Every structure is written in C-alpha cells, then in structure tokens.
C-alpha cells in the first residue's frame, strides 16, 4: 500500500533548521528500506511556526520543520514506523495517511492533490 508520512521535527539550532529533519528522514528511510519498503518521494515544507506551543520531553516548541514522505510498505511496517516516531523525542507530531491507488495510477502527494497538479 502507498502511505504518506507527515511529520514535524523539532528545531534545536535556529541557524541549521534542517539538521534534525535530515537525520529523521534518514532514520525513517532506513527503517522502511530494511523492511522491504519503497520510498517514492520526500517533500520539504520548511520551517514554520506552530499553531500552538507543543510540549514534548519537558521542552516547549513554538516552531517546527515540516516534511512529507511518500512510501510503499506493508501495514505492519507502517504501524511500527508510527510507533517509533511517536516515541522519538525529535518528532513533535507525526501522522500517516493511506492512499488508495485503485482510483488513480499516480495519485501524487497531498500537496499535488490540493493544488490540482495531477
């Protein structure tokens, strides 16, 4: 199945905002590939202020680095990935969306669907 991961990574160093996000994307990518999954695309949405202050691991965050990752894997891998991300202190929020590929051969990302690119 095709899944899309939306995650918000914490920003520890304002001068290097992509530092945590690249490490997280690498870790997530290795986890997917080691479990016979396929990564289709990674989209950076950049550093943005959060709509409200998020507390995690006794730290308060007011901005985060947003990114999307599209991947194919089994449902067990997807569940394991989400469980791992929820425990990771570098991730402020994570959500996985399942896309049905029977409707369209190339559904695109959520951003592409919103903008009507496909």
N, C-alpha and C. Protein backbone atom coordinates (compact mmCIF):
# COMPACT_ATOMS: atom_id res chain seq x y z
N UNK A 1 0.83 -1.18 0.00
CA UNK A 1 0.00 0.00 0.00
C UNK A 1 0.88 1.25 0.00
N UNK A 2 0.31 2.30 -0.54
CA UNK A 2 1.02 3.58 -0.59
C UNK A 2 0.60 4.42 0.62
N UNK A 3 1.59 4.88 1.36
CA UNK A 3 1.35 5.71 2.54
C UNK A 3 2.08 7.03 2.39
N UNK A 4 1.60 8.03 3.12
CA UNK A 4 2.25 9.33 3.14
C UNK A 4 2.44 9.74 4.59
N UNK A 5 3.68 9.97 4.96
CA UNK A 5 4.02 10.39 6.32
C UNK A 5 4.14 11.90 6.35
N UNK A 6 3.41 12.52 7.26
CA UNK A 6 3.55 13.95 7.52
C UNK A 6 4.14 14.07 8.91
N UNK A 7 5.27 14.76 9.03
CA UNK A 7 5.93 14.88 10.33
C UNK A 7 6.41 16.31 10.56
N UNK A 8 6.46 16.66 11.84
CA UNK A 8 7.01 17.94 12.27
C UNK A 8 8.19 17.63 13.19
N UNK A 9 9.38 18.05 12.76
CA UNK A 9 10.59 17.83 13.54
C UNK A 9 10.91 19.07 14.36
N UNK A 10 11.50 18.85 15.52
CA UNK A 10 11.88 19.99 16.35
C UNK A 10 13.07 20.72 15.72
N UNK A 11 13.21 21.97 16.08
CA UNK A 11 14.35 22.77 15.62
C UNK A 11 15.18 23.10 16.85
N UNK A 12 16.38 22.51 16.91
CA UNK A 12 17.24 22.75 18.07
C UNK A 12 18.21 23.90 17.84
N UNK A 13 18.63 24.09 16.59
CA UNK A 13 19.57 25.15 16.25
C UNK A 13 18.95 26.04 15.19
N UNK A 14 18.62 27.29 15.52
CA UNK A 14 17.97 28.17 14.54
C UNK A 14 18.81 28.45 13.30
N UNK A 15 20.12 28.29 13.39
CA UNK A 15 20.98 28.53 12.23
C UNK A 15 21.00 27.34 11.27
N UNK A 16 20.68 26.15 11.77
CA UNK A 16 20.66 24.94 10.95
C UNK A 16 19.31 24.25 11.16
N UNK A 17 18.27 24.78 10.54
CA UNK A 17 16.92 24.28 10.81
C UNK A 17 16.68 22.90 10.20
N UNK A 18 17.42 22.51 9.18
CA UNK A 18 17.19 21.22 8.54
C UNK A 18 17.96 20.08 9.19
N UNK A 19 18.77 20.37 10.18
CA UNK A 19 19.66 19.37 10.79
C UNK A 19 18.88 18.17 11.34
N UNK A 20 17.91 18.42 12.21
CA UNK A 20 17.13 17.34 12.82
C UNK A 20 16.28 16.62 11.77
N UNK A 21 15.69 17.37 10.85
CA UNK A 21 14.79 16.78 9.86
C UNK A 21 15.54 15.82 8.93
N UNK A 22 16.75 16.16 8.53
CA UNK A 22 17.50 15.26 7.66
C UNK A 22 17.90 13.98 8.38
N UNK A 23 18.24 14.09 9.66
CA UNK A 23 18.56 12.89 10.43
C UNK A 23 17.33 12.00 10.58
N UNK A 24 16.18 12.60 10.83
CA UNK A 24 14.94 11.84 10.99
C UNK A 24 14.55 11.19 9.68
N UNK A 25 14.63 11.93 8.58
CA UNK A 25 14.28 11.37 7.27
C UNK A 25 15.20 10.20 6.92
N UNK A 26 16.47 10.31 7.26
CA UNK A 26 17.41 9.22 7.03
C UNK A 26 17.05 8.00 7.86
N UNK A 27 16.74 8.20 9.13
CA UNK A 27 16.36 7.10 10.02
C UNK A 27 15.08 6.42 9.54
N UNK A 28 14.09 7.21 9.19
CA UNK A 28 12.81 6.67 8.71
C UNK A 28 13.02 5.92 7.39
N UNK A 29 13.81 6.50 6.50
CA UNK A 29 14.09 5.86 5.22
C UNK A 29 14.77 4.52 5.39
N UNK A 30 15.75 4.44 6.28
CA UNK A 30 16.43 3.17 6.53
C UNK A 30 15.48 2.14 7.11
N UNK A 31 14.59 2.57 8.00
CA UNK A 31 13.62 1.66 8.59
C UNK A 31 12.68 1.10 7.52
N UNK A 32 12.24 1.94 6.61
CA UNK A 32 11.35 1.49 5.53
C UNK A 32 12.09 0.55 4.58
N UNK A 33 13.29 0.92 4.17
CA UNK A 33 14.05 0.10 3.22
C UNK A 33 14.47 -1.24 3.83
N UNK A 34 14.82 -1.26 5.11
CA UNK A 34 15.21 -2.52 5.76
C UNK A 34 14.05 -3.49 5.87
N UNK A 35 12.83 -2.99 5.84
CA UNK A 35 11.64 -3.84 5.91
C UNK A 35 10.98 -4.01 4.54
N UNK A 36 11.79 -3.95 3.48
CA UNK A 36 11.36 -4.20 2.10
C UNK A 36 10.31 -3.22 1.61
N UNK A 37 10.45 -1.97 1.99
CA UNK A 37 9.57 -0.92 1.51
C UNK A 37 10.24 -0.09 0.43
N UNK A 38 9.48 0.78 -0.20
CA UNK A 38 9.98 1.65 -1.26
C UNK A 38 9.64 3.10 -0.91
N UNK A 39 10.63 3.98 -0.98
CA UNK A 39 10.39 5.40 -0.75
C UNK A 39 10.15 6.05 -2.11
N UNK A 40 9.00 6.69 -2.26
CA UNK A 40 8.68 7.32 -3.55
C UNK A 40 9.16 8.76 -3.62
N UNK A 41 8.92 9.52 -2.58
CA UNK A 41 9.33 10.92 -2.62
C UNK A 41 9.43 11.50 -1.21
N UNK A 42 10.23 12.54 -1.10
CA UNK A 42 10.36 13.30 0.14
C UNK A 42 10.18 14.78 -0.23
N UNK A 43 9.26 15.43 0.45
CA UNK A 43 8.97 16.84 0.17
C UNK A 43 9.21 17.66 1.43
N UNK A 44 10.06 18.66 1.31
CA UNK A 44 10.31 19.56 2.43
C UNK A 44 9.31 20.70 2.38
N UNK A 45 8.66 20.95 3.50
CA UNK A 45 7.72 22.06 3.59
C UNK A 45 8.32 23.24 4.36
N UNK A 46 9.52 23.05 4.87
CA UNK A 46 10.25 24.14 5.52
C UNK A 46 9.90 24.35 6.98
N UNK A 47 10.59 25.31 7.57
CA UNK A 47 10.37 25.67 8.97
C UNK A 47 9.19 26.62 9.05
N UNK A 48 8.26 26.31 9.95
CA UNK A 48 7.06 27.13 10.10
C UNK A 48 6.74 27.28 11.58
N UNK A 49 6.10 28.38 11.94
CA UNK A 49 5.64 28.49 13.33
C UNK A 49 4.48 27.52 13.56
N UNK A 50 4.42 26.95 14.74
CA UNK A 50 3.35 26.02 15.07
C UNK A 50 2.09 26.80 15.47
N UNK A 51 0.90 26.26 15.22
CA UNK A 51 -0.32 26.97 15.58
C UNK A 51 -0.48 27.16 17.08
N UNK A 52 0.10 26.26 17.85
CA UNK A 52 0.12 26.41 19.30
C UNK A 52 1.42 25.83 19.83
N UNK A 53 1.78 26.17 21.03
CA UNK A 53 3.02 25.67 21.62
C UNK A 53 2.85 24.19 21.93
N UNK A 54 3.81 23.39 21.48
CA UNK A 54 3.78 21.94 21.69
C UNK A 54 4.83 21.59 22.73
N UNK A 55 4.43 20.85 23.76
CA UNK A 55 5.36 20.38 24.78
C UNK A 55 5.66 18.91 24.55
N UNK A 56 6.94 18.58 24.51
CA UNK A 56 7.37 17.19 24.38
C UNK A 56 8.70 17.04 25.08
N UNK A 57 8.82 15.98 25.89
CA UNK A 57 10.04 15.71 26.64
C UNK A 57 10.46 16.90 27.49
N UNK A 58 9.51 17.53 28.14
CA UNK A 58 9.71 18.67 29.03
C UNK A 58 10.35 19.87 28.33
N UNK A 59 10.12 19.98 27.04
CA UNK A 59 10.57 21.13 26.26
C UNK A 59 9.35 21.73 25.57
N UNK A 60 9.36 23.03 25.39
CA UNK A 60 8.26 23.71 24.72
C UNK A 60 8.76 24.22 23.37
N UNK A 61 7.99 23.94 22.32
CA UNK A 61 8.38 24.29 20.96
C UNK A 61 7.33 25.20 20.35
N UNK A 62 7.79 26.24 19.66
CA UNK A 62 6.87 27.17 19.00
C UNK A 62 7.06 27.17 17.49
N UNK A 63 8.08 26.47 16.99
CA UNK A 63 8.26 26.32 15.55
C UNK A 63 8.78 24.91 15.27
N UNK A 64 8.55 24.44 14.05
CA UNK A 64 8.98 23.10 13.68
C UNK A 64 9.28 23.02 12.19
N UNK A 65 10.00 21.98 11.81
CA UNK A 65 10.33 21.76 10.41
C UNK A 65 9.40 20.69 9.87
N UNK A 66 8.58 21.04 8.89
CA UNK A 66 7.56 20.15 8.35
C UNK A 66 8.09 19.44 7.10
N UNK A 67 7.77 18.14 6.96
CA UNK A 67 8.12 17.42 5.74
C UNK A 67 7.14 16.27 5.50
N UNK A 68 7.07 15.86 4.23
CA UNK A 68 6.23 14.75 3.78
C UNK A 68 7.13 13.67 3.19
N UNK A 69 6.76 12.41 3.41
CA UNK A 69 7.49 11.31 2.80
C UNK A 69 6.47 10.30 2.28
N UNK A 70 6.51 10.04 0.98
CA UNK A 70 5.64 9.05 0.38
C UNK A 70 6.37 7.72 0.27
N UNK A 71 5.72 6.63 0.67
CA UNK A 71 6.39 5.33 0.63
C UNK A 71 5.38 4.21 0.46
N UNK A 72 5.87 3.08 -0.04
CA UNK A 72 5.10 1.84 -0.15
C UNK A 72 5.64 0.86 0.86
N UNK A 73 4.75 0.24 1.62
CA UNK A 73 5.17 -0.79 2.58
C UNK A 73 3.94 -1.56 3.03
N UNK A 74 4.18 -2.56 3.85
CA UNK A 74 3.07 -3.32 4.41
C UNK A 74 2.46 -2.55 5.58
N UNK A 75 1.29 -2.97 6.00
CA UNK A 75 0.62 -2.28 7.11
C UNK A 75 1.37 -2.48 8.42
N UNK A 76 2.06 -3.60 8.57
CA UNK A 76 2.82 -3.85 9.80
C UNK A 76 4.01 -2.89 9.91
N UNK A 77 4.67 -2.65 8.79
CA UNK A 77 5.80 -1.72 8.78
C UNK A 77 5.31 -0.31 9.08
N UNK A 78 4.18 0.06 8.51
CA UNK A 78 3.60 1.38 8.74
C UNK A 78 3.26 1.58 10.21
N UNK A 79 2.68 0.56 10.84
CA UNK A 79 2.34 0.66 12.26
C UNK A 79 3.60 0.76 13.12
N UNK A 80 4.62 -0.02 12.77
CA UNK A 80 5.89 0.02 13.51
C UNK A 80 6.55 1.39 13.35
N UNK A 81 6.49 1.93 12.15
CA UNK A 81 7.08 3.24 11.88
C UNK A 81 6.41 4.33 12.70
N UNK A 82 5.09 4.33 12.74
CA UNK A 82 4.36 5.34 13.51
C UNK A 82 4.64 5.20 15.01
N UNK A 83 4.72 3.97 15.49
CA UNK A 83 5.03 3.74 16.90
C UNK A 83 6.43 4.26 17.24
N UNK A 84 7.38 4.03 16.35
CA UNK A 84 8.75 4.51 16.55
C UNK A 84 8.81 6.03 16.54
N UNK A 85 8.09 6.66 15.62
CA UNK A 85 8.11 8.12 15.52
C UNK A 85 7.46 8.78 16.73
N UNK A 86 6.42 8.18 17.26
CA UNK A 86 5.75 8.76 18.43
C UNK A 86 6.66 8.75 19.66
N UNK A 87 7.57 7.77 19.73
CA UNK A 87 8.49 7.68 20.87
C UNK A 87 9.73 8.56 20.70
N UNK A 88 10.02 8.95 19.46
CA UNK A 88 11.22 9.72 19.16
C UNK A 88 11.08 11.15 19.69
N UNK A 89 12.00 11.62 20.54
CA UNK A 89 11.87 12.98 21.08
C UNK A 89 12.12 14.08 20.04
N UNK A 90 12.72 13.74 18.90
CA UNK A 90 12.98 14.73 17.85
C UNK A 90 11.74 15.06 17.03
N UNK A 91 10.73 14.20 17.09
CA UNK A 91 9.50 14.40 16.33
C UNK A 91 8.45 15.01 17.24
N UNK A 92 7.91 16.15 16.83
CA UNK A 92 6.86 16.80 17.62
C UNK A 92 5.50 16.18 17.31
N UNK A 93 5.21 15.98 16.04
CA UNK A 93 3.96 15.34 15.61
C UNK A 93 4.25 14.50 14.38
N UNK A 94 3.52 13.38 14.24
CA UNK A 94 3.64 12.53 13.06
C UNK A 94 2.28 11.92 12.76
N UNK A 95 1.99 11.81 11.49
CA UNK A 95 0.74 11.22 11.05
C UNK A 95 0.98 10.50 9.73
N UNK A 96 0.33 9.35 9.56
CA UNK A 96 0.47 8.59 8.32
C UNK A 96 -0.90 8.46 7.68
N UNK A 97 -0.96 8.77 6.38
CA UNK A 97 -2.20 8.71 5.62
C UNK A 97 -2.06 7.60 4.58
N UNK A 98 -3.08 6.77 4.45
CA UNK A 98 -3.09 5.70 3.46
C UNK A 98 -3.81 6.19 2.21
N UNK A 99 -3.17 6.01 1.05
CA UNK A 99 -3.77 6.40 -0.22
C UNK A 99 -4.22 5.16 -0.98
N UNK A 100 -5.37 5.23 -1.61
CA UNK A 100 -5.89 4.13 -2.41
C UNK A 100 -5.43 4.32 -3.84
N UNK A 101 -4.58 3.40 -4.33
CA UNK A 101 -4.03 3.53 -5.67
C UNK A 101 -4.98 3.04 -6.75
N UNK A 102 -6.07 2.39 -6.38
CA UNK A 102 -7.00 1.89 -7.39
C UNK A 102 -7.74 3.02 -8.09
N UNK A 103 -7.86 4.16 -7.44
CA UNK A 103 -8.58 5.29 -8.03
C UNK A 103 -7.76 5.98 -9.11
N UNK A 104 -6.47 6.06 -8.94
CA UNK A 104 -5.60 6.73 -9.90
C UNK A 104 -4.25 6.04 -9.90
N UNK A 105 -3.64 5.94 -11.06
CA UNK A 105 -2.34 5.28 -11.12
C UNK A 105 -1.24 6.10 -10.47
N UNK A 106 -1.37 7.41 -10.52
CA UNK A 106 -0.39 8.29 -9.89
C UNK A 106 -1.13 9.35 -9.07
N UNK A 107 -1.43 9.04 -7.80
CA UNK A 107 -2.22 9.99 -7.02
C UNK A 107 -1.47 11.26 -6.66
N UNK A 108 -0.15 11.21 -6.64
CA UNK A 108 0.62 12.38 -6.22
C UNK A 108 0.55 12.55 -4.71
N UNK A 109 1.21 13.55 -4.23
CA UNK A 109 1.20 13.83 -2.80
C UNK A 109 -0.04 14.63 -2.44
N UNK A 110 -0.24 14.83 -1.17
CA UNK A 110 -1.39 15.62 -0.71
C UNK A 110 -1.31 17.05 -1.23
N UNK A 111 -0.10 17.57 -1.32
CA UNK A 111 0.08 18.94 -1.82
C UNK A 111 -0.31 19.01 -3.29
N UNK A 112 0.12 18.00 -4.09
CA UNK A 112 -0.24 17.97 -5.51
C UNK A 112 -1.75 17.87 -5.69
N UNK A 113 -2.40 17.06 -4.87
CA UNK A 113 -3.85 16.92 -4.97
C UNK A 113 -4.55 18.21 -4.61
N UNK A 114 -4.06 18.91 -3.61
CA UNK A 114 -4.68 20.18 -3.19
C UNK A 114 -4.53 21.24 -4.27
N UNK A 115 -3.35 21.30 -4.87
CA UNK A 115 -3.10 22.30 -5.90
C UNK A 115 -3.68 21.91 -7.26
N UNK A 116 -4.11 20.64 -7.40
CA UNK A 116 -4.68 20.18 -8.65
C UNK A 116 -3.65 19.98 -9.74
N UNK A 117 -2.43 19.58 -9.35
CA UNK A 117 -1.35 19.40 -10.32
C UNK A 117 -1.64 18.20 -11.21
N UNK A 118 -2.12 17.09 -10.65
CA UNK A 118 -2.38 15.88 -11.44
C UNK A 118 -3.73 15.92 -12.08
